[in-house]
């Protein structure tokens, strides 16, 4: 069966307006469906295209509702997990069991797997990406907040760019 893999956020989820460009872009894209639907039903579309505009508006509105629901539910879950770790979290050391340099987009990252041991329960593993040119070696330890009864975790602090973690 092996060691279970942990779930949970690695970093605090951003608040709604902490990313204004992406928020504005998302709101603009999300408004396309309702605008097309209103144009088709309001008589702003030519009669020969009215059905196509209304169907397009309905489809885009449905996609907008689904994507918005997934985003809201996911963010609410991440915030709930973050609060649980704030209230019940135990600070322990996680030991790096593997570190592999990989590409993440145009940047280099290190894919890190860690073994986390919590007093009074079986150990579990975590995996995440450390962005930038940070040097992470097998055997190093990082502070990790873990939930005492669930396999939830988050890194306490990330290393400053360019430093080693000895």
Protein backbone atom coordinates (compact mmCIF):
# COMPACT_ATOMS: atom_id res chain seq x y z
CA UNK A 1 0.00 0.00 0.00
CA UNK A 2 2.89 2.40 0.71
CA UNK A 3 3.00 5.85 2.20
CA UNK A 4 -0.07 8.00 1.46
CA UNK A 5 0.29 11.22 -0.52
CA UNK A 6 -0.81 14.46 1.17
CA UNK A 7 -3.35 16.91 -0.15
CA UNK A 8 -3.66 20.61 0.47
CA UNK A 9 -2.36 23.99 -0.52
CA UNK A 10 1.34 24.73 -0.79
CA UNK A 11 0.75 28.48 -0.59
CA UNK A 12 -2.07 30.74 0.53
CA UNK A 13 -4.78 31.06 -2.12
CA UNK A 14 -4.90 34.61 -3.52
CA UNK A 15 -7.80 36.88 -2.61
CA UNK A 16 -10.21 37.86 -5.38
CA UNK A 17 -8.65 41.24 -6.20
CA UNK A 18 -4.98 40.37 -5.52
CA UNK A 19 -4.67 39.57 -9.23
CA UNK A 20 -6.48 42.51 -10.89
CA UNK A 21 -5.40 41.80 -14.49
CA UNK A 22 -6.59 38.18 -14.40
CA UNK A 23 -9.75 39.18 -12.54
CA UNK A 24 -10.59 41.81 -15.18
CA UNK A 25 -9.80 39.42 -18.03
CA UNK A 26 -11.91 36.67 -16.45
CA UNK A 27 -14.86 39.02 -15.92
CA UNK A 28 -14.63 40.20 -19.56
CA UNK A 29 -14.59 36.63 -20.88
CA UNK A 30 -17.37 35.58 -18.52
CA UNK A 31 -19.64 38.39 -19.74
CA UNK A 32 -19.53 37.19 -23.38
CA UNK A 33 -22.26 34.59 -22.89
CA UNK A 34 -24.82 36.80 -21.16
CA UNK A 35 -24.11 39.66 -23.62
CA UNK A 36 -24.65 37.35 -26.63
CA UNK A 37 -27.82 35.97 -25.04
CA UNK A 38 -29.15 39.48 -24.36
CA UNK A 39 -28.29 40.56 -27.93
CA UNK A 40 -30.10 37.58 -29.42
CA UNK A 41 -33.19 37.93 -27.25
CA UNK A 42 -33.23 41.74 -27.34
CA UNK A 43 -33.47 41.99 -31.11
CA UNK A 44 -29.94 43.29 -31.69
CA UNK A 45 -29.02 40.30 -33.88
CA UNK A 46 -30.28 39.96 -37.47
CA UNK A 47 -33.28 37.65 -37.80
CA UNK A 48 -31.37 35.04 -39.83
CA UNK A 49 -28.66 34.85 -37.11
CA UNK A 50 -30.92 35.17 -34.08
CA UNK A 51 -31.10 31.43 -33.29
CA UNK A 52 -27.32 31.00 -33.58
CA UNK A 53 -26.65 34.01 -31.34
CA UNK A 54 -29.13 32.80 -28.70
CA UNK A 55 -27.72 29.24 -28.72
CA UNK A 56 -24.15 30.59 -28.52
CA UNK A 57 -25.20 32.85 -25.64
CA UNK A 58 -26.81 29.92 -23.80
CA UNK A 59 -23.76 27.69 -24.25
CA UNK A 60 -21.29 30.39 -23.19
CA UNK A 61 -23.48 31.31 -20.19
CA UNK A 62 -23.62 27.66 -19.10
CA UNK A 63 -19.81 27.35 -19.44
CA UNK A 64 -19.43 30.58 -17.43
CA UNK A 65 -21.65 29.23 -14.64
CA UNK A 66 -19.76 25.92 -14.48
CA UNK A 67 -16.30 27.55 -14.48
CA UNK A 68 -17.36 30.13 -11.88
CA UNK A 69 -18.83 27.41 -9.65
CA UNK A 70 -15.66 25.33 -9.86
CA UNK A 71 -13.50 28.38 -9.06
CA UNK A 72 -15.63 29.46 -6.10
CA UNK A 73 -15.88 25.96 -4.64
CA UNK A 74 -12.14 25.33 -5.11
CA UNK A 75 -11.19 28.65 -3.52
CA UNK A 76 -13.59 28.08 -0.61
CA UNK A 77 -12.06 24.62 -0.06
CA UNK A 78 -8.51 26.01 -0.14
CA UNK A 79 -9.44 28.74 2.35
CA UNK A 80 -11.14 26.18 4.63
CA UNK A 81 -8.04 23.97 4.53
CA UNK A 82 -5.85 27.01 5.23
CA UNK A 83 -7.99 27.92 8.26
CA UNK A 84 -7.84 24.32 9.50
CA UNK A 85 -4.06 24.39 9.30
CA UNK A 86 -3.99 27.76 11.12
CA UNK A 87 -6.11 26.45 14.00
CA UNK A 88 -5.05 22.80 14.32
CA UNK A 89 -1.74 22.71 12.48
CA UNK A 90 1.34 21.09 13.94
CA UNK A 91 4.77 22.32 12.82
CA UNK A 92 7.16 19.50 11.91
CA UNK A 93 10.20 18.96 9.70
CA UNK A 94 9.71 17.37 6.29
CA UNK A 95 12.74 15.62 4.82
CA UNK A 96 13.44 15.85 1.09
CA UNK A 97 13.52 12.36 -0.44
CA UNK A 98 14.01 13.43 -4.06
CA UNK A 99 14.74 16.66 -5.92
CA UNK A 100 14.65 16.89 -9.70
CA UNK A 101 15.22 19.97 -11.87
CA UNK A 102 12.35 20.43 -14.34
CA UNK A 103 10.98 23.10 -16.64
CA UNK A 104 7.81 24.88 -15.55
CA UNK A 105 6.86 27.06 -18.44
CA UNK A 106 9.89 29.11 -19.41
CA UNK A 107 11.48 28.90 -15.97
CA UNK A 108 13.42 26.19 -14.16
CA UNK A 109 11.92 24.64 -11.04
CA UNK A 110 12.78 21.82 -8.68
CA UNK A 111 10.23 19.05 -8.20
CA UNK A 112 10.57 18.06 -4.56
CA UNK A 113 9.17 15.01 -2.77
CA UNK A 114 9.26 15.07 1.01
CA UNK A 115 8.54 12.57 3.76
CA UNK A 116 6.61 14.18 6.60
CA UNK A 117 6.37 12.48 9.99
CA UNK A 118 3.74 13.67 12.43
CA UNK A 119 3.89 12.45 16.04
CA UNK A 120 1.26 9.81 16.76
CA UNK A 121 0.34 8.92 13.17
CA UNK A 122 1.83 7.30 10.09
CA UNK A 123 4.14 9.39 7.88
CA UNK A 124 3.00 10.70 4.50
CA UNK A 125 4.66 12.13 1.42
CA UNK A 126 4.23 15.50 -0.26
CA UNK A 127 5.29 16.73 -3.65
CA UNK A 128 5.43 20.23 -5.06
CA UNK A 129 7.48 22.57 -7.24
CA UNK A 130 10.04 25.00 -5.83
CA UNK A 131 10.22 27.86 -8.34
CA UNK A 132 13.40 29.60 -9.41
CA UNK A 133 17.05 28.73 -9.10
CA UNK A 134 16.82 27.52 -5.53
CA UNK A 135 19.13 24.64 -4.70
CA UNK A 136 17.30 21.84 -2.94
CA UNK A 137 19.17 18.65 -2.11
CA UNK A 138 18.05 15.21 -0.95
CA UNK A 139 18.22 14.94 2.83
CA UNK A 140 17.46 18.60 3.54
CA UNK A 141 14.61 19.50 5.87
CA UNK A 142 11.87 22.12 5.55
CA UNK A 143 9.38 23.30 8.14
CA UNK A 144 5.89 22.09 7.28
CA UNK A 145 2.54 22.77 8.96
CA UNK A 146 0.44 19.60 8.98
CA UNK A 147 -3.02 18.78 10.24
CA UNK A 148 -2.76 16.36 13.20
CA UNK A 149 -5.46 13.96 11.92
CA UNK A 150 -5.59 14.51 8.14
CA UNK A 151 -3.00 14.43 5.36
CA UNK A 152 -3.09 18.21 4.86
CA UNK A 153 0.09 20.28 4.68
CA UNK A 154 1.67 23.57 3.68
CA UNK A 155 5.25 24.78 3.63
CA UNK A 156 5.94 27.22 6.44
CA UNK A 157 8.39 29.36 4.53
CA UNK A 158 10.06 29.19 1.16
CA UNK A 159 13.77 29.78 0.67
CA UNK A 160 14.88 33.16 -0.65
CA UNK A 161 15.92 33.03 -4.32
CA UNK A 162 19.42 31.81 -5.00
CA UNK A 163 20.19 30.55 -1.50
CA UNK A 164 20.91 27.02 -0.49
CA UNK A 165 18.99 25.44 2.37
CA UNK A 166 21.79 23.95 4.43
